[in-house]
Amino acid sequence: MLNKKKLQNLKLIIPDLDGSLLNNDSRLDEKTKKIIKALHSMGVLFSFASGRLHSALIDYAEELKIVAPLISLDGSLIKSHPGGEVIYQSFVPGRYVEKALNYADKFLINVALCHAEAVYYTEDNSVIPVLMDKFGAKFQQISSYKGLCGKTLEIALAGDFKNNIKYVKKKMSFPYTYGLNITFIKSMKNPGIYYLELRRKGANKGKALLRLLKHLKIKPAETAVIGDWYNDISFFHPSVIKVAMANAIPELKKMADFITQKDNDHEGAAEFLEMVYKAKKSI
């Protein structure tokens, strides 16, 4: 059981969205919304730390009346809401963006450039909105990638030629490039489709958490995080209260201070939030 005093001292709660705060239909359940509203009235701040684009977080932030910077693209961007002030951003070097675009063209791989506000794609890559697992993202077709390479937070490639994508992965890795985080994964919703995602190295949820706490002048011990997936491992900082969902990977559960009994599709996050509410109410 969590220490009651620690729960009473919480000033900030940062959940992951997909698989954590949201159910499997990407919705917020009513119980969770009600408790968050109550905690707001007690002075508890809320933010998000998600792999989604910033634009895909805004509707949820408005639904919950969140007034705080949001962590998006797994820490590549920290941007205030509302207001849109950039607290931190990590762009892929333009020369690597151009290199990836050339490989995509050469090997007939669909490619898009992810910015804070939208996923940009050209007419030649018009299947991108169908192929990409970019939940809630705004997609925008453009005539050319010219002028966008310098402010790209993520390069996303997708296609069914697995060997071609693996070859590009090799050519975008060290020693051919330096300072990139590269993820090669198989699509969960599109059978036979593979993704290659490239971001600048040094951006992850854990580092973004510390940057956000410094900005807000809140101590790690006054913070709780909620997660379920591999990209949340760095997020589980030793000094924060770490909450793993019932549906979380085993690695997170081993690191957690608290594991919910219910999963994300059955109001699991509300279990922890209710504990915080009761602890605060007893002061």
C-alpha atoms as a PDB file:
ATOM      1  CA  MET A   1       0.000   0.000   0.000  1.00  0.00           C
ATOM      2  CA  LEU A   2       1.233   3.476  -0.811  1.00  0.00           C
ATOM      3  CA  ASN A   3       2.289   5.793   1.970  1.00  0.00           C
ATOM      4  CA  LYS A   4      -0.671   8.085   2.753  1.00  0.00           C
ATOM      5  CA  LYS A   5       1.610  11.040   3.456  1.00  0.00           C
ATOM      6  CA  LYS A   6       3.164  10.747  -0.011  1.00  0.00           C
ATOM      7  CA  LEU A   7      -0.268  10.792  -1.606  1.00  0.00           C
ATOM      8  CA  GLN A   8      -1.228  13.857   0.402  1.00  0.00           C
ATOM      9  CA  ASN A   9       1.917  15.660  -0.812  1.00  0.00           C
ATOM     10  CA  LEU A  10       1.229  15.067  -4.511  1.00  0.00           C
ATOM     11  CA  LYS A  11       1.143  18.222  -6.627  1.00  0.00           C
ATOM     12  CA  LEU A  12       1.309  16.708 -10.107  1.00  0.00           C
ATOM     13  CA  ILE A  13      -0.010  13.539 -11.781  1.00  0.00           C
ATOM     14  CA  ILE A  14       1.143  12.626 -15.293  1.00  0.00           C
ATOM     15  CA  PRO A  15      -0.515   9.646 -16.970  1.00  0.00           C
ATOM     16  CA  ASP A  16       0.277   8.067 -20.278  1.00  0.00           C
ATOM     17  CA  LEU A  17      -2.807   8.053 -22.535  1.00  0.00           C
ATOM     18  CA  ASP A  18      -3.152   4.924 -24.692  1.00  0.00           C
ATOM     19  CA  GLY A  19      -3.361   1.813 -22.553  1.00  0.00           C
ATOM     20  CA  SER A  20      -3.388   3.894 -19.352  1.00  0.00           C
ATOM     21  CA  LEU A  21      -5.777   6.822 -18.940  1.00  0.00           C
ATOM     22  CA  LEU A  22      -7.830   6.020 -22.064  1.00  0.00           C
ATOM     23  CA  ASN A  23      -9.933   2.918 -22.635  1.00  0.00           C
ATOM     24  CA  ASN A  24      -9.535   0.766 -25.730  1.00  0.00           C
ATOM     25  CA  ASP A  25     -11.890   3.053 -27.657  1.00  0.00           C
ATOM     26  CA  SER A  26      -9.583   6.017 -26.910  1.00  0.00           C
ATOM     27  CA  ARG A  27     -12.134   7.527 -24.538  1.00  0.00           C
ATOM     28  CA  LEU A  28     -12.008   8.848 -20.987  1.00  0.00           C
ATOM     29  CA  ASP A  29     -14.378   7.034 -18.644  1.00  0.00           C
ATOM     30  CA  GLU A  30     -16.770   9.092 -16.545  1.00  0.00           C
ATOM     31  CA  LYS A  31     -15.367   8.018 -13.181  1.00  0.00           C
ATOM     32  CA  THR A  32     -11.865   9.111 -14.153  1.00  0.00           C
ATOM     33  CA  LYS A  33     -13.109  12.490 -15.393  1.00  0.00           C
ATOM     34  CA  LYS A  34     -15.054  13.064 -12.175  1.00  0.00           C
ATOM     35  CA  ILE A  35     -12.076  12.277  -9.906  1.00  0.00           C
ATOM     36  CA  ILE A  36      -9.671  14.399 -11.947  1.00  0.00           C
ATOM     37  CA  LYS A  37     -12.089  17.312 -11.676  1.00  0.00           C
ATOM     38  CA  ALA A  38     -12.228  16.814  -7.895  1.00  0.00           C
ATOM     39  CA  LEU A  39      -8.422  16.657  -7.639  1.00  0.00           C
ATOM     40  CA  HIS A  40      -8.166  19.838  -9.696  1.00  0.00           C
ATOM     41  CA  SER A  41     -10.234  21.587  -7.041  1.00  0.00           C
ATOM     42  CA  MET A  42      -7.708  20.356  -4.456  1.00  0.00           C
ATOM     43  CA  GLY A  43      -4.841  21.989  -6.335  1.00  0.00           C
ATOM     44  CA  VAL A  44      -3.452  18.907  -8.084  1.00  0.00           C
ATOM     45  CA  LEU A  45      -2.030  19.589 -11.550  1.00  0.00           C
ATOM     46  CA  PHE A  46      -2.392  17.119 -14.414  1.00  0.00           C
ATOM     47  CA  SER A  47      -0.412  16.669 -17.615  1.00  0.00           C
ATOM     48  CA  PHE A  48       0.054  13.898 -20.211  1.00  0.00           C
ATOM     49  CA  ALA A  49       3.130  12.031 -21.411  1.00  0.00           C
ATOM     50  CA  SER A  50       2.310  10.325 -24.676  1.00  0.00           C
ATOM     51  CA  GLY A  51       3.766   8.983 -27.877  1.00  0.00           C
ATOM     52  CA  ARG A  52       1.054  10.902 -29.718  1.00  0.00           C
ATOM     53  CA  LEU A  53       1.539  14.218 -31.453  1.00  0.00           C
ATOM     54  CA  HIS A  54       0.758  17.336 -29.444  1.00  0.00           C
ATOM     55  CA  SER A  55      -2.251  18.029 -31.661  1.00  0.00           C
ATOM     56  CA  ALA A  56      -3.670  14.616 -30.692  1.00  0.00           C
ATOM     57  CA  LEU A  57      -3.565  15.542 -26.979  1.00  0.00           C
ATOM     58  CA  ILE A  58      -5.443  18.821 -27.102  1.00  0.00           C
ATOM     59  CA  ASP A  59      -9.012  17.465 -27.151  1.00  0.00           C
ATOM     60  CA  TYR A  60      -8.324  15.375 -24.034  1.00  0.00           C
ATOM     61  CA  ALA A  61      -6.629  18.299 -22.304  1.00  0.00           C
ATOM     62  CA  GLU A  62      -9.657  20.483 -23.003  1.00  0.00           C
ATOM     63  CA  GLU A  63     -12.071  17.763 -21.884  1.00  0.00           C
ATOM     64  CA  LEU A  64     -10.240  17.548 -18.547  1.00  0.00           C
ATOM     65  CA  LYS A  65      -9.618  21.317 -18.357  1.00  0.00           C
ATOM     66  CA  ILE A  66      -5.879  20.763 -18.042  1.00  0.00           C
ATOM     67  CA  VAL A  67      -3.737  23.893 -17.792  1.00  0.00           C
ATOM     68  CA  ALA A  68      -0.143  22.629 -17.942  1.00  0.00           C
ATOM     69  CA  PRO A  69       2.572  21.750 -20.456  1.00  0.00           C
ATOM     70  CA  LEU A  70       2.017  18.417 -22.256  1.00  0.00           C
ATOM     71  CA  ILE A  71       4.698  15.873 -23.180  1.00  0.00           C
ATOM     72  CA  SER A  72       4.249  14.484 -26.681  1.00  0.00           C
ATOM     73  CA  LEU A  73       6.099  12.207 -29.112  1.00  0.00           C
ATOM     74  CA  ASP A  74       7.652  10.376 -26.153  1.00  0.00           C
ATOM     75  CA  GLY A  75       9.471  13.477 -24.932  1.00  0.00           C
ATOM     76  CA  SER A  76      10.476  15.079 -28.240  1.00  0.00           C
ATOM     77  CA  LEU A  77       8.220  18.030 -27.464  1.00  0.00           C
ATOM     78  CA  ILE A  78       6.948  19.748 -24.313  1.00  0.00           C
ATOM     79  CA  LYS A  79       4.384  22.404 -25.108  1.00  0.00           C
ATOM     80  CA  SER A  80       2.035  24.361 -22.861  1.00  0.00           C
ATOM     81  CA  HIS A  81      -1.728  24.087 -22.994  1.00  0.00           C
ATOM     82  CA  PRO A  82      -3.417  26.362 -23.579  1.00  0.00           C
ATOM     83  CA  GLY A  83      -1.114  28.930 -25.118  1.00  0.00           C
ATOM     84  CA  GLY A  84       1.214  26.711 -27.113  1.00  0.00           C
ATOM     85  CA  GLU A  85       4.470  27.909 -25.516  1.00  0.00           C
ATOM     86  CA  VAL A  86       7.313  25.541 -26.402  1.00  0.00           C
ATOM     87  CA  ILE A  87       9.144  24.400 -23.276  1.00  0.00           C
ATOM     88  CA  TYR A  88      11.375  21.914 -25.087  1.00  0.00           C
ATOM     89  CA  GLN A  89      11.675  20.503 -28.594  1.00  0.00           C
ATOM     90  CA  SER A  90      14.101  18.120 -30.256  1.00  0.00           C
ATOM     91  CA  PHE A  91      14.234  18.273 -34.059  1.00  0.00           C
ATOM     92  CA  VAL A  92      15.761  15.619 -36.293  1.00  0.00           C
ATOM     93  CA  PRO A  93      18.730  17.223 -38.102  1.00  0.00           C
ATOM     94  CA  GLY A  94      17.592  18.430 -41.512  1.00  0.00           C
ATOM     95  CA  ARG A  95      20.304  16.514 -43.385  1.00  0.00           C
ATOM     96  CA  TYR A  96      18.978  13.243 -41.939  1.00  0.00           C
ATOM     97  CA  VAL A  97      15.414  14.133 -42.863  1.00  0.00           C
ATOM     98  CA  GLU A  98      16.513  14.707 -46.464  1.00  0.00           C
ATOM     99  CA  LYS A  99      18.471  11.451 -46.417  1.00  0.00           C
ATOM    100  CA  ALA A 100      15.420   9.500 -45.204  1.00  0.00           C
ATOM    101  CA  LEU A 101      13.215  11.117 -47.859  1.00  0.00           C
ATOM    102  CA  ASN A 102      15.676  10.084 -50.570  1.00  0.00           C
ATOM    103  CA  TYR A 103      15.744   6.481 -49.337  1.00  0.00           C
ATOM    104  CA  ALA A 104      11.949   6.398 -49.166  1.00  0.00           C
ATOM    105  CA  ASP A 105      11.721   7.597 -52.757  1.00  0.00           C
ATOM    106  CA  LYS A 106      14.358   5.144 -53.973  1.00  0.00           C
ATOM    107  CA  PHE A 107      12.825   2.077 -52.282  1.00  0.00           C
ATOM    108  CA  LEU A 108       9.134   2.982 -52.771  1.00  0.00           C
ATOM    109  CA  ILE A 109       8.480   3.377 -49.035  1.00  0.00           C
ATOM    110  CA  ASN A 110       5.719   5.691 -47.812  1.00  0.00           C
ATOM    111  CA  VAL A 111       7.053   8.539 -45.694  1.00  0.00           C
ATOM    112  CA  ALA A 112       5.637  11.354 -43.591  1.00  0.00           C
ATOM    113  CA  LEU A 113       7.116  14.129 -41.443  1.00  0.00           C
ATOM    114  CA  CYS A 114       5.649  14.535 -37.975  1.00  0.00           C
ATOM    115  CA  HIS A 115       5.490  18.054 -36.570  1.00  0.00           C
ATOM    116  CA  ALA A 116       3.753  19.238 -33.410  1.00  0.00           C
ATOM    117  CA  GLU A 117       0.636  20.339 -35.233  1.00  0.00           C
ATOM    118  CA  ALA A 118       0.247  17.637 -37.898  1.00  0.00           C
ATOM    119  CA  VAL A 119       1.610  14.676 -39.842  1.00  0.00           C
ATOM    120  CA  TYR A 120       2.582  16.008 -43.267  1.00  0.00           C
ATOM    121  CA  TYR A 121       2.547  13.837 -46.399  1.00  0.00           C
ATOM    122  CA  THR A 122       2.650  14.398 -50.146  1.00  0.00           C
ATOM    123  CA  GLU A 123       0.349  13.133 -52.899  1.00  0.00           C
ATOM    124  CA  ASP A 124       2.784  10.289 -53.618  1.00  0.00           C
ATOM    125  CA  ASN A 125       2.309   9.181 -49.987  1.00  0.00           C
ATOM    126  CA  SER A 126      -1.487   9.562 -49.894  1.00  0.00           C
ATOM    127  CA  VAL A 127      -1.977   6.177 -48.170  1.00  0.00           C
ATOM    128  CA  ILE A 128      -0.165   7.477 -45.075  1.00  0.00           C
ATOM    129  CA  PRO A 129      -3.365   8.353 -43.093  1.00  0.00           C
ATOM    130  CA  VAL A 130      -4.578   4.765 -43.606  1.00  0.00           C
ATOM    131  CA  LEU A 131      -1.259   3.074 -42.832  1.00  0.00           C
ATOM    132  CA  MET A 132      -0.087   5.075 -39.830  1.00  0.00           C
ATOM    133  CA  ASP A 133      -0.932   4.120 -36.237  1.00  0.00           C
ATOM    134  CA  LYS A 134      -0.932   7.785 -35.185  1.00  0.00           C
ATOM    135  CA  PHE A 135      -3.926   7.921 -32.854  1.00  0.00           C
ATOM    136  CA  GLY A 136      -5.846  11.167 -33.028  1.00  0.00           C
ATOM    137  CA  ALA A 137      -3.232  12.898 -35.166  1.00  0.00           C
ATOM    138  CA  LYS A 138      -4.131  15.525 -37.720  1.00  0.00           C
ATOM    139  CA  PHE A 139      -2.941  14.544 -41.213  1.00  0.00           C
ATOM    140  CA  GLN A 140      -2.284  17.203 -43.824  1.00  0.00           C
ATOM    141  CA  GLN A 141      -1.409  16.692 -47.474  1.00  0.00           C
ATOM    142  CA  ILE A 142       1.131  19.115 -48.904  1.00  0.00           C
ATOM    143  CA  SER A 143       2.653  19.653 -52.328  1.00  0.00           C
ATOM    144  CA  SER A 144       6.256  19.238 -51.187  1.00  0.00           C
ATOM    145  CA  TYR A 145       8.371  18.536 -48.112  1.00  0.00           C
ATOM    146  CA  LYS A 146      10.451  21.587 -48.951  1.00  0.00           C
ATOM    147  CA  GLY A 147      10.698  23.915 -45.964  1.00  0.00           C
ATOM    148  CA  LEU A 148       9.631  21.247 -43.451  1.00  0.00           C
ATOM    149  CA  CYS A 149      12.853  19.304 -43.003  1.00  0.00           C
ATOM    150  CA  GLY A 150      14.319  21.670 -40.416  1.00  0.00           C
ATOM    151  CA  LYS A 151      11.456  21.396 -37.945  1.00  0.00           C
ATOM    152  CA  THR A 152      10.664  17.680 -38.021  1.00  0.00           C
ATOM    153  CA  LEU A 153      10.210  15.941 -34.674  1.00  0.00           C
ATOM    154  CA  GLU A 154       9.840  12.465 -36.174  1.00  0.00           C
ATOM    155  CA  ILE A 155      10.300  10.833 -39.578  1.00  0.00           C
ATOM    156  CA  ALA A 156       7.781   8.036 -40.101  1.00  0.00           C
ATOM    157  CA  LEU A 157       8.209   5.449 -42.854  1.00  0.00           C
ATOM    158  CA  ALA A 158       5.722   2.692 -43.624  1.00  0.00           C
ATOM    159  CA  GLY A 159       5.376  -0.100 -46.158  1.00  0.00           C
ATOM    160  CA  ASP A 160       5.009  -3.792 -46.826  1.00  0.00           C
ATOM    161  CA  PHE A 161       8.542  -4.350 -48.149  1.00  0.00           C
ATOM    162  CA  LYS A 162      10.095  -5.466 -44.881  1.00  0.00           C
ATOM    163  CA  ASN A 163      13.600  -5.966 -46.278  1.00  0.00           C
ATOM    164  CA  ASN A 164      13.620  -2.516 -47.868  1.00  0.00           C
ATOM    165  CA  ILE A 165      12.622  -0.880 -44.593  1.00  0.00           C
ATOM    166  CA  LYS A 166      15.258  -2.878 -42.683  1.00  0.00           C
ATOM    167  CA  TYR A 167      17.865  -1.735 -45.215  1.00  0.00           C
ATOM    168  CA  VAL A 168      16.894   1.904 -44.665  1.00  0.00           C
ATOM    169  CA  LYS A 169      17.070   1.286 -40.908  1.00  0.00           C
ATOM    170  CA  LYS A 170      20.651   0.089 -41.359  1.00  0.00           C
ATOM    171  CA  LYS A 171      21.572   3.112 -43.491  1.00  0.00           C
ATOM    172  CA  MET A 172      20.025   5.528 -40.984  1.00  0.00           C
ATOM    173  CA  SER A 173      21.930   3.941 -38.081  1.00  0.00           C
ATOM    174  CA  PHE A 174      25.503   4.455 -36.824  1.00  0.00           C
ATOM    175  CA  PRO A 175      28.039   4.804 -38.447  1.00  0.00           C
ATOM    176  CA  TYR A 176      26.039   6.217 -41.380  1.00  0.00           C
ATOM    177  CA  THR A 177      24.225   8.665 -39.099  1.00  0.00           C
ATOM    178  CA  TYR A 178      24.760   9.787 -35.521  1.00  0.00           C
ATOM    179  CA  GLY A 179      22.404  10.811 -32.753  1.00  0.00           C
ATOM    180  CA  LEU A 180      19.124   9.196 -33.843  1.00  0.00           C
ATOM    181  CA  ASN A 181      16.689   6.978 -31.980  1.00  0.00           C
ATOM    182  CA  ILE A 182      15.374   4.394 -34.451  1.00  0.00           C
ATOM    183  CA  THR A 183      12.367   2.150 -33.904  1.00  0.00           C
ATOM    184  CA  PHE A 184      11.411  -0.676 -36.276  1.00  0.00           C
ATOM    185  CA  ILE A 185       8.010  -2.212 -35.528  1.00  0.00           C
ATOM    186  CA  LYS A 186       5.218  -4.219 -37.134  1.00  0.00           C
ATOM    187  CA  SER A 187       1.803  -2.563 -37.387  1.00  0.00           C
ATOM    188  CA  MET A 188      -0.848  -3.665 -34.903  1.00  0.00           C
ATOM    189  CA  LYS A 189      -3.794  -2.640 -37.079  1.00  0.00           C
ATOM    190  CA  ASN A 190      -2.489  -3.179 -40.634  1.00  0.00           C
ATOM    191  CA  PRO A 191      -1.311  -6.767 -41.316  1.00  0.00           C
ATOM    192  CA  GLY A 192       1.916  -6.960 -43.288  1.00  0.00           C
ATOM    193  CA  ILE A 193       2.846  -3.306 -42.751  1.00  0.00           C
ATOM    194  CA  TYR A 194       6.104  -2.301 -41.069  1.00  0.00           C
ATOM    195  CA  TYR A 195       7.134   1.050 -39.592  1.00  0.00           C
ATOM    196  CA  LEU A 196      10.402   2.842 -39.164  1.00  0.00           C
ATOM    197  CA  GLU A 197      10.325   5.833 -36.818  1.00  0.00           C
ATOM    198  CA  LEU A 198      13.301   8.159 -36.466  1.00  0.00           C
ATOM    199  CA  ARG A 199      13.713  10.796 -33.764  1.00  0.00           C
ATOM    200  CA  ARG A 200      16.614  12.705 -32.338  1.00  0.00           C
ATOM    201  CA  LYS A 201      18.502  10.840 -29.630  1.00  0.00           C
ATOM    202  CA  GLY A 202      18.156  12.054 -26.061  1.00  0.00           C
ATOM    203  CA  ALA A 203      14.400  12.553 -26.133  1.00  0.00           C
ATOM    204  CA  ASN A 204      12.357  10.182 -23.984  1.00  0.00           C
ATOM    205  CA  LYS A 205       9.597  10.387 -21.405  1.00  0.00           C
ATOM    206  CA  GLY A 206      12.007  10.169 -18.481  1.00  0.00           C
ATOM    207  CA  LYS A 207      14.115  13.153 -19.543  1.00  0.00           C
ATOM    208  CA  ALA A 208      10.975  15.069 -20.494  1.00  0.00           C
ATOM    209  CA  LEU A 209       9.563  14.419 -17.029  1.00  0.00           C
ATOM    210  CA  LEU A 210      12.608  16.003 -15.371  1.00  0.00           C
ATOM    211  CA  ARG A 211      12.492  18.953 -17.778  1.00  0.00           C
ATOM    212  CA  LEU A 212       8.823  19.512 -17.013  1.00  0.00           C
ATOM    213  CA  LEU A 213       9.334  19.288 -13.234  1.00  0.00           C
ATOM    214  CA  LYS A 214      12.140  21.839 -13.430  1.00  0.00           C
ATOM    215  CA  HIS A 215       9.895  24.159 -15.434  1.00  0.00           C
ATOM    216  CA  LEU A 216       7.009  23.793 -12.972  1.00  0.00           C
ATOM    217  CA  LYS A 217       9.327  23.888  -9.926  1.00  0.00           C
ATOM    218  CA  ILE A 218       7.827  20.670  -8.590  1.00  0.00           C
ATOM    219  CA  LYS A 219       9.898  17.967  -6.905  1.00  0.00           C
ATOM    220  CA  PRO A 220       9.909  14.348  -8.195  1.00  0.00           C
ATOM    221  CA  ALA A 221       8.623  13.215  -4.771  1.00  0.00           C
ATOM    222  CA  GLU A 222       5.557  15.426  -5.311  1.00  0.00           C
ATOM    223  CA  THR A 223       4.782  13.711  -8.613  1.00  0.00           C
ATOM    224  CA  ALA A 224       3.026  10.528  -9.719  1.00  0.00           C
ATOM    225  CA  VAL A 225       3.207   8.896 -13.149  1.00  0.00           C
ATOM    226  CA  ILE A 226       0.961   6.236 -14.704  1.00  0.00           C
ATOM    227  CA  GLY A 227       2.031   3.920 -17.530  1.00  0.00           C
ATOM    228  CA  ASP A 228       1.675   0.580 -19.253  1.00  0.00           C
ATOM    229  CA  TRP A 229       4.152   0.159 -22.126  1.00  0.00           C
ATOM    230  CA  TYR A 230       7.856  -0.031 -23.011  1.00  0.00           C
ATOM    231  CA  ASN A 231       8.100   3.683 -23.746  1.00  0.00           C
ATOM    232  CA  ASP A 232       7.106   4.292 -20.104  1.00  0.00           C
ATOM    233  CA  ILE A 233      10.159   2.533 -18.637  1.00  0.00           C
ATOM    234  CA  SER A 234      12.291   5.707 -18.621  1.00  0.00           C
ATOM    235  CA  PHE A 235       9.227   7.528 -17.260  1.00  0.00           C
ATOM    236  CA  PHE A 236       9.325   5.470 -14.043  1.00  0.00           C
ATOM    237  CA  HIS A 237      11.849   7.704 -12.286  1.00  0.00           C
ATOM    238  CA  PRO A 238      13.052   6.333  -8.910  1.00  0.00           C
ATOM    239  CA  SER A 239      11.796   9.319  -6.879  1.00  0.00           C
ATOM    240  CA  VAL A 240       8.248   9.632  -8.258  1.00  0.00           C
ATOM    241  CA  ILE A 241       5.226   7.531  -7.338  1.00  0.00           C
ATOM    242  CA  LYS A 242       5.074   4.934 -10.110  1.00  0.00           C
ATOM    243  CA  VAL A 243       1.710   3.418 -11.061  1.00  0.00           C
ATOM    244  CA  ALA A 244       1.505   0.496 -13.482  1.00  0.00           C
ATOM    245  CA  MET A 245      -1.767  -0.516 -15.060  1.00  0.00           C
ATOM    246  CA  ALA A 246      -3.070  -4.075 -14.707  1.00  0.00           C
ATOM    247  CA  ASN A 247      -2.448  -4.419 -18.445  1.00  0.00           C
ATOM    248  CA  ALA A 248       1.144  -3.117 -18.165  1.00  0.00           C
ATOM    249  CA  ILE A 249       4.203  -5.034 -19.330  1.00  0.00           C
ATOM    250  CA  PRO A 250       5.978  -7.105 -16.613  1.00  0.00           C
ATOM    251  CA  GLU A 251       9.009  -4.775 -16.612  1.00  0.00           C
ATOM    252  CA  LEU A 252       6.870  -1.819 -15.488  1.00  0.00           C
ATOM    253  CA  LYS A 253       5.055  -3.837 -12.851  1.00  0.00           C
ATOM    254  CA  LYS A 254       8.402  -4.744 -11.284  1.00  0.00           C
ATOM    255  CA  MET A 255       9.312  -1.050 -11.057  1.00  0.00           C
ATOM    256  CA  ALA A 256       5.905   0.123  -9.818  1.00  0.00           C
ATOM    257  CA  ASP A 257       4.914   1.364  -6.368  1.00  0.00           C
ATOM    258  CA  PHE A 258       1.311   0.489  -7.151  1.00  0.00           C
ATOM    259  CA  ILE A 259      -0.358  -1.811  -9.694  1.00  0.00           C
ATOM    260  CA  THR A 260      -4.034  -1.296 -10.470  1.00  0.00           C
ATOM    261  CA  GLN A 261      -6.332  -4.290 -10.138  1.00  0.00           C
ATOM    262  CA  LYS A 262      -8.316  -3.275 -13.221  1.00  0.00           C
ATOM    263  CA  ASP A 263      -7.019  -2.576 -16.715  1.00  0.00           C
ATOM    264  CA  ASN A 264      -7.396   0.557 -18.808  1.00  0.00           C
ATOM    265  CA  ASP A 265     -10.692  -0.670 -20.257  1.00  0.00           C
ATOM    266  CA  HIS A 266     -12.277  -0.967 -16.792  1.00  0.00           C
ATOM    267  CA  GLU A 267     -11.416   2.339 -15.074  1.00  0.00           C
ATOM    268  CA  GLY A 268      -8.042   1.101 -13.805  1.00  0.00           C
ATOM    269  CA  ALA A 269      -6.454   4.565 -13.567  1.00  0.00           C
ATOM    270  CA  ALA A 270      -9.384   5.716 -11.434  1.00  0.00           C
ATOM    271  CA  GLU A 271      -8.280   3.253  -8.707  1.00  0.00           C
ATOM    272  CA  PHE A 272      -5.119   5.228  -8.046  1.00  0.00           C
ATOM    273  CA  LEU A 273      -6.741   8.632  -8.555  1.00  0.00           C
ATOM    274  CA  GLU A 274      -9.410   7.734  -5.998  1.00  0.00           C
ATOM    275  CA  MET A 275      -6.699   6.825  -3.477  1.00  0.00           C
ATOM    276  CA  VAL A 276      -5.125  10.245  -3.968  1.00  0.00           C
ATOM    277  CA  TYR A 277      -8.494  11.951  -3.576  1.00  0.00           C
ATOM    278  CA  LYS A 278      -9.263  10.133  -0.309  1.00  0.00           C
ATOM    279  CA  ALA A 279      -5.787  10.899   1.053  1.00  0.00           C
ATOM    280  CA  LYS A 280      -6.147  14.597   0.184  1.00  0.00           C
ATOM    281  CA  LYS A 281      -9.641  14.753   1.626  1.00  0.00           C
ATOM    282  CA  SER A 282      -8.444  13.379   4.968  1.00  0.00           C
ATOM    283  CA  ILE A 283      -6.004  16.247   5.534  1.00  0.00           C
END
